[in-house]
Amino acid sequence: MRFDFYLPVEVLFGSGRLDTLGEVAKRYGYRAIIITGKNSTKENGALERAIHSLKK
């Protein structure tokens, strides 16, 4: 059996990077899926910031 597997990865890390999510995601299309853990992303406001950035 033979196969090729290609998985491009872009990791953006640092203060304020969440606010650039919309700009980065725009390069890949017009739909996004956000997968988070239990509640911490919602509780600390990161989920709302991500959604806001994507809507911009």
Protein backbone atom coordinates (compact mmCIF):
# COMPACT_ATOMS: atom_id res chain seq x y z
CA MET A 1 0.00 0.00 0.00
CA ARG A 2 1.21 3.52 -0.83
CA PHE A 3 -0.24 6.94 -0.15
CA ASP A 4 0.78 10.57 0.08
CA PHE A 5 -0.35 12.76 2.93
CA TYR A 6 -0.05 16.53 2.77
CA LEU A 7 -1.07 18.62 5.76
CA PRO A 8 -0.10 22.27 5.54
CA VAL A 9 -0.02 23.89 8.96
CA GLU A 10 0.12 27.54 9.88
CA VAL A 11 0.61 28.35 13.55
CA LEU A 12 0.23 31.96 14.65
CA PHE A 13 1.19 32.64 18.24
CA GLY A 14 1.43 35.75 20.36
CA SER A 15 -0.41 38.59 21.96
CA GLY A 16 -3.21 39.96 19.79
CA ARG A 17 -3.03 37.18 17.20
CA LEU A 18 -6.62 36.11 17.83
CA ASP A 19 -7.75 39.46 16.46
CA THR A 20 -6.09 38.66 13.11
CA LEU A 21 -8.04 35.39 12.73
CA GLY A 22 -10.43 36.85 10.15
CA GLU A 23 -7.62 38.10 7.93
CA VAL A 24 -5.89 34.72 7.99
CA ALA A 25 -9.09 32.70 7.49
CA LYS A 26 -10.10 34.82 4.47
CA ARG A 27 -7.26 33.25 2.48
CA TYR A 28 -8.90 29.83 2.81
CA GLY A 29 -12.54 30.54 1.96
CA TYR A 30 -15.77 31.91 3.32
CA ARG A 31 -16.71 29.34 5.97
CA ALA A 32 -15.13 28.59 9.30
CA ILE A 33 -15.54 26.05 12.05
CA ILE A 34 -14.41 26.75 15.57
CA ILE A 35 -13.75 23.79 17.83
CA THR A 36 -13.08 24.53 21.47
CA GLY A 37 -12.74 22.70 24.74
CA LYS A 38 -15.42 22.78 27.39
CA ASN A 39 -16.07 26.33 28.62
CA SER A 40 -12.80 28.22 29.08
CA THR A 41 -12.78 29.75 25.60
CA LYS A 42 -16.25 31.13 26.15
CA GLU A 43 -15.59 32.22 29.72
CA ASN A 44 -12.40 34.17 28.95
CA GLY A 45 -13.92 35.94 25.93
CA ALA A 46 -11.70 34.33 23.30
CA LEU A 47 -14.62 32.73 21.48
CA GLU A 48 -16.45 36.04 21.12
CA ARG A 49 -13.24 37.74 19.89
CA ALA A 50 -12.72 34.97 17.33
CA ILE A 51 -16.29 35.26 16.04
CA HIS A 52 -15.99 39.05 15.85
CA SER A 53 -12.73 38.80 13.90
CA LEU A 54 -14.25 36.31 11.46
CA LYS A 55 -17.31 38.50 10.88
CA LYS A 56 -15.11 41.52 10.07
